[in-house]
Amino acid sequence: MPGILFDEIVFGPVKSRRFGVSLGINLMPLEGKLCSFNCVYCECGLTDERKKDKLKLFSASEINASLRSRFEALKTGGLDPDNITFAGNGEPTLHPEFETLIDNTIRLRDEFFPKALITVLSNATRLDRANVKRALLRIDNNVLKLDAGTNATFQAINRPTQLITLEKVIQELKNFGGNLTIQTMLIRGDVDGNQVDNTTEEELSLWLKHIQEINPKLVMLYPIDRLTPYRTLEKVPEAEFQALVKRVEAMGIKAEVFY
């Protein structure tokens, strides 16, 4: 079940559904996925545990040099990105120099593209680490994942590679005091003979309760848009997203669908 891996530290700019003209930063290895989740819908494919110990992380200085070079080229070409987005081949906060990398990126952004926003897409598994939380609170958009209402569905969809529960993730999200964005993918379908579904009324009611407690500044809802490791997963109809947006907004929280 192969996926699509990024083969550069800095990639794009690309036109993003959510972030406009977005320049991507991949802090993870180029030759394989490295993540604390093994999500059933991941466009990078499934995690190969056999390769994990052989994967090479670039140093902060190597990443910073690559970023400066691309910024200089874009500036010369007259292209200003709307967003500088940390994404790529896995979970960006796993990089041991994550906080340093964020600080370096802020300095380069201020030098080359002061109007650009800095965004991190994270699965929220490392929010209990002080350096990760400090870094996320220094950027414009910390976009953190919440795909389930119950722990059983969290385990079935996100499949963490470490011992972590949905309750632990939610508590750490609540500790941001509302200064965060929640991203949620709605999916349903068969995975290895088991049905996974975060669109049932039980799941959505509990998810809404979590959202109310977390009180984010924005909720981003989106469906499958690319190939997934399991072709049996269903793209949830847009009408179901729009109905959920109304329920979120009824709690006084802004929500958007990126379909």
Protein backbone atom coordinates (compact mmCIF):
# COMPACT_ATOMS: atom_id res chain seq x y z
CA MET A 1 0.00 0.00 0.00
CA PRO A 2 2.52 2.63 -1.10
CA GLY A 3 2.01 6.35 -0.69
CA ILE A 4 3.45 9.56 -2.02
CA LEU A 5 6.58 10.82 -0.26
CA PHE A 6 8.13 14.28 -0.58
CA ASP A 7 11.64 14.09 -2.01
CA GLU A 8 12.79 17.56 -0.87
CA ILE A 9 13.26 19.40 2.40
CA VAL A 10 11.47 22.41 0.96
CA PHE A 11 8.78 21.76 -1.65
CA GLY A 12 6.39 23.88 -3.68
CA PRO A 13 4.98 26.42 -3.55
CA VAL A 14 1.72 24.59 -4.21
CA LYS A 15 -1.88 25.77 -4.31
CA SER A 16 -3.44 24.53 -1.07
CA ARG A 17 -7.13 24.02 -0.36
CA ARG A 18 -6.66 25.63 3.03
CA PHE A 19 -3.58 27.86 2.91
CA GLY A 20 -3.42 29.52 -0.49
CA VAL A 21 0.03 29.57 -2.11
CA SER A 22 1.89 27.37 0.34
CA LEU A 23 5.61 26.62 0.58
CA GLY A 24 6.08 23.26 2.31
CA ILE A 25 8.77 22.23 4.76
CA ASN A 26 9.45 18.54 5.32
CA LEU A 27 11.41 17.87 8.51
CA MET A 28 11.16 14.11 8.14
CA PRO A 29 13.42 11.77 6.14
CA LEU A 30 13.14 11.81 2.34
CA GLU A 31 13.38 8.04 1.94
CA GLY A 32 10.49 7.02 4.23
CA LYS A 33 7.66 8.09 6.50
CA LEU A 34 8.40 8.76 10.17
CA CYS A 35 5.34 9.39 12.31
CA SER A 36 3.80 8.74 15.72
CA PHE A 37 0.54 7.83 13.92
CA ASN A 38 -0.17 5.26 11.24
CA CYS A 39 -3.44 6.74 9.98
CA VAL A 40 -5.56 4.60 7.69
CA TYR A 41 -5.99 7.56 5.30
CA CYS A 42 -2.38 8.82 5.17
CA GLU A 43 -1.35 9.95 1.68
CA CYS A 44 2.27 9.04 2.55
CA GLY A 45 1.24 5.42 2.93
CA LEU A 46 1.61 3.13 5.92
CA THR A 47 4.57 3.30 8.30
CA ASP A 48 7.21 0.65 7.65
CA GLU A 49 8.51 -0.19 11.11
CA ARG A 50 11.39 -2.19 9.56
CA LYS A 51 12.85 0.98 8.03
CA LYS A 52 12.34 3.34 10.97
CA ASP A 53 15.79 2.91 12.55
CA LYS A 54 17.52 3.43 9.19
CA LEU A 55 15.86 6.74 8.33
CA LYS A 56 18.06 9.84 8.39
CA LEU A 57 16.90 13.18 9.74
CA PHE A 58 18.46 16.35 8.35
CA SER A 59 20.03 18.67 10.92
CA ALA A 60 18.60 22.08 11.73
CA SER A 61 21.51 23.74 9.93
CA GLU A 62 20.91 21.68 6.77
CA ILE A 63 17.21 22.48 6.81
CA ASN A 64 17.87 26.16 7.47
CA ALA A 65 20.32 26.33 4.52
CA SER A 66 17.77 24.68 2.22
CA LEU A 67 15.06 27.07 3.37
CA ARG A 68 17.24 30.16 2.86
CA SER A 69 18.19 29.00 -0.62
CA ARG A 70 14.56 28.49 -1.64
CA PHE A 71 13.49 31.80 -0.09
CA GLU A 72 16.19 33.62 -2.06
CA ALA A 73 15.11 31.92 -5.30
CA LEU A 74 11.45 32.74 -4.75
CA LYS A 75 12.23 36.34 -3.90
CA THR A 76 14.33 36.69 -7.06
CA GLY A 77 11.47 35.20 -9.06
CA GLY A 78 8.95 37.59 -7.55
CA LEU A 79 6.78 34.89 -5.94
CA ASP A 80 5.65 35.52 -2.37
CA PRO A 81 3.99 32.55 -0.60
CA ASP A 82 0.88 33.10 1.52
CA ASN A 83 1.92 30.35 3.90
CA ILE A 84 5.03 28.50 5.02
CA THR A 85 3.69 25.12 6.04
CA PHE A 86 5.40 22.38 8.04
CA ALA A 87 4.03 19.09 6.69
CA GLY A 88 5.80 16.35 4.73
CA ASN A 89 6.66 12.71 5.38
CA GLY A 90 5.31 12.32 8.89
CA GLU A 91 4.96 14.23 12.16
CA PRO A 92 7.12 17.42 12.15
CA THR A 93 7.30 17.73 15.94
CA LEU A 94 9.27 14.47 16.09
CA HIS A 95 12.38 16.33 14.90
CA PRO A 96 14.63 16.75 17.97
CA GLU A 97 15.49 20.35 16.94
CA PHE A 98 11.88 21.34 16.24
CA GLU A 99 11.91 24.48 18.41
CA THR A 100 15.18 25.69 16.85
CA LEU A 101 13.74 25.07 13.38
CA ILE A 102 10.66 27.12 14.18
CA ASP A 103 12.79 30.00 15.46
CA ASN A 104 14.97 29.86 12.32
CA THR A 105 11.92 29.87 10.07
CA ILE A 106 10.41 32.85 11.84
CA ARG A 107 13.63 34.82 11.31
CA LEU A 108 13.81 33.89 7.62
CA ARG A 109 10.12 34.65 7.12
CA ASP A 110 10.57 38.09 8.67
CA GLU A 111 13.58 38.71 6.41
CA PHE A 112 12.10 37.56 3.08
CA PHE A 113 8.30 37.31 3.30
CA PRO A 114 7.04 39.24 6.33
CA LYS A 115 3.40 38.92 5.23
CA ALA A 116 3.51 35.12 5.02
CA LEU A 117 1.96 33.04 7.79
CA ILE A 118 3.75 30.09 9.38
CA THR A 119 1.66 26.95 9.85
CA VAL A 120 2.42 23.59 11.44
CA LEU A 121 0.24 20.56 10.70
CA SER A 122 0.60 18.24 13.69
CA ASN A 123 -1.12 15.14 15.02
CA ALA A 124 -1.00 16.54 18.59
CA THR A 125 0.87 13.57 20.08
CA ARG A 126 3.79 15.59 21.50
CA LEU A 127 2.02 18.53 23.09
CA ASP A 128 3.14 17.41 26.55
CA ARG A 129 6.70 18.43 25.64
CA ALA A 130 7.39 21.99 26.73
CA ASN A 131 9.67 22.81 23.79
CA VAL A 132 7.05 21.65 21.26
CA LYS A 133 4.29 23.64 22.91
CA ARG A 134 6.46 26.78 23.13
CA ALA A 135 7.30 26.51 19.43
CA LEU A 136 3.69 25.99 18.38
CA LEU A 137 2.56 29.01 20.37
CA ARG A 138 5.09 31.21 18.54
CA ILE A 139 3.70 30.60 15.05
CA ASP A 140 0.60 31.94 13.32
CA ASN A 141 -1.31 28.69 12.84
CA ASN A 142 -0.86 25.57 14.93
CA VAL A 143 -3.22 23.13 13.24
CA LEU A 144 -3.78 20.06 15.39
CA LYS A 145 -5.57 16.83 14.58
CA LEU A 146 -8.71 15.45 16.25
CA ASP A 147 -10.37 12.71 14.19
CA ALA A 148 -12.57 10.92 16.71
CA GLY A 149 -15.05 11.21 19.54
CA THR A 150 -14.21 7.91 21.25
CA ASN A 151 -10.87 6.36 22.09
CA ALA A 152 -11.80 3.18 20.21
CA THR A 153 -12.27 5.09 16.96
CA PHE A 154 -9.16 7.17 17.63
CA GLN A 155 -7.14 3.95 17.91
CA ALA A 156 -8.81 2.45 14.81
CA ILE A 157 -8.30 5.50 12.54
CA ASN A 158 -5.10 7.15 13.77
CA ARG A 159 -3.38 4.00 15.08
CA PRO A 160 -0.72 5.64 17.29
CA THR A 161 2.66 3.95 17.28
CA GLN A 162 3.13 4.78 20.96
CA LEU A 163 0.91 4.33 24.01
CA ILE A 164 -1.40 7.34 23.89
CA THR A 165 -5.14 7.77 24.42
CA LEU A 166 -7.67 10.19 23.01
CA GLU A 167 -8.30 11.49 26.54
CA LYS A 168 -4.61 12.45 26.87
CA VAL A 169 -4.64 14.24 23.50
CA ILE A 170 -7.79 16.18 24.38
CA GLN A 171 -6.35 17.30 27.72
CA GLU A 172 -3.24 18.66 25.99
CA LEU A 173 -5.39 20.42 23.37
CA LYS A 174 -7.41 22.06 26.14
CA ASN A 175 -4.16 23.36 27.65
CA PHE A 176 -3.70 25.67 24.61
CA GLY A 177 -6.45 27.93 25.95
CA GLY A 178 -8.14 28.17 22.57
CA ASN A 179 -5.04 29.35 20.68
CA LEU A 180 -5.14 26.58 18.09
CA THR A 181 -6.97 25.25 15.06
CA ILE A 182 -8.47 21.77 15.00
CA GLN A 183 -8.35 19.76 11.77
CA THR A 184 -10.64 16.77 11.34
CA MET A 185 -11.04 14.30 8.49
CA LEU A 186 -14.37 12.50 8.23
CA ILE A 187 -14.07 8.97 6.89
CA ARG A 188 -15.79 5.62 6.91
CA GLY A 189 -15.11 2.27 5.31
CA ASP A 190 -13.51 -1.14 5.69
CA VAL A 191 -9.96 -1.54 7.02
CA ASP A 192 -8.65 -5.09 7.06
CA GLY A 193 -12.16 -6.46 7.54
CA ASN A 194 -13.14 -3.97 10.26
CA GLN A 195 -15.48 -1.01 9.81
CA VAL A 196 -14.06 2.37 10.79
CA ASP A 197 -16.44 5.32 10.96
CA ASN A 198 -16.16 8.68 12.72
CA THR A 199 -19.43 9.96 11.20
CA THR A 200 -21.91 8.11 13.43
CA GLU A 201 -24.08 10.19 15.76
CA GLU A 202 -22.26 8.77 18.79
CA GLU A 203 -18.88 9.79 17.39
CA LEU A 204 -20.00 13.23 16.25
CA SER A 205 -21.79 14.05 19.51
CA LEU A 206 -18.71 13.21 21.55
CA TRP A 207 -16.43 14.98 19.07
CA LEU A 208 -18.58 18.11 19.40
CA LYS A 209 -18.29 17.88 23.19
CA HIS A 210 -14.51 17.74 22.88
CA ILE A 211 -14.52 20.71 20.49
CA GLN A 212 -16.59 22.74 22.92
CA GLU A 213 -14.12 22.00 25.74
CA ILE A 214 -11.06 22.76 23.59
CA ASN A 215 -12.71 25.93 22.20
CA PRO A 216 -10.38 26.38 19.19
CA LYS A 217 -10.32 29.56 17.12
CA LEU A 218 -11.20 27.50 14.04
CA VAL A 219 -12.25 23.98 13.06
CA MET A 220 -11.15 22.74 9.62
CA LEU A 221 -13.17 19.84 8.20
CA TYR A 222 -12.03 17.97 5.13
CA PRO A 223 -12.59 14.68 3.26
CA ILE A 224 -10.28 12.25 1.54
CA ASP A 225 -8.85 14.07 -1.46
CA ARG A 226 -5.96 11.82 -2.54
CA LEU A 227 -5.18 8.11 -2.74
CA THR A 228 -5.14 6.35 0.63
CA PRO A 229 -3.55 3.08 1.75
CA TYR A 230 -7.04 1.54 1.88
CA ARG A 231 -9.09 1.98 -1.30
CA THR A 232 -12.14 0.78 0.67
CA LEU A 233 -12.42 4.13 2.49
CA GLU A 234 -15.33 6.33 1.45
CA LYS A 235 -15.29 10.03 0.63
CA VAL A 236 -18.02 11.37 2.90
CA PRO A 237 -20.60 13.52 1.02
CA GLU A 238 -20.30 17.29 1.34
CA ALA A 239 -23.80 17.60 2.81
CA GLU A 240 -22.65 15.78 5.95
CA PHE A 241 -19.78 18.23 6.35
CA GLN A 242 -22.10 21.22 5.99
CA ALA A 243 -24.46 19.78 8.60
CA LEU A 244 -21.56 19.36 11.02
CA VAL A 245 -20.36 22.92 10.39
CA LYS A 246 -23.76 24.19 11.52
CA ARG A 247 -23.50 22.20 14.74
CA VAL A 248 -20.03 23.57 15.46
CA GLU A 249 -21.04 27.15 14.71
CA ALA A 250 -24.09 26.76 16.96
CA MET A 251 -21.57 26.50 19.83
CA GLY A 252 -20.04 29.84 18.82
CA ILE A 253 -16.94 28.30 17.20
CA LYS A 254 -15.93 29.10 13.62
CA ALA A 255 -15.79 26.15 11.23
CA GLU A 256 -14.92 25.68 7.55
CA VAL A 257 -15.22 22.82 5.09
CA PHE A 258 -12.43 22.26 2.55
CA TYR A 259 -14.08 19.85 0.14
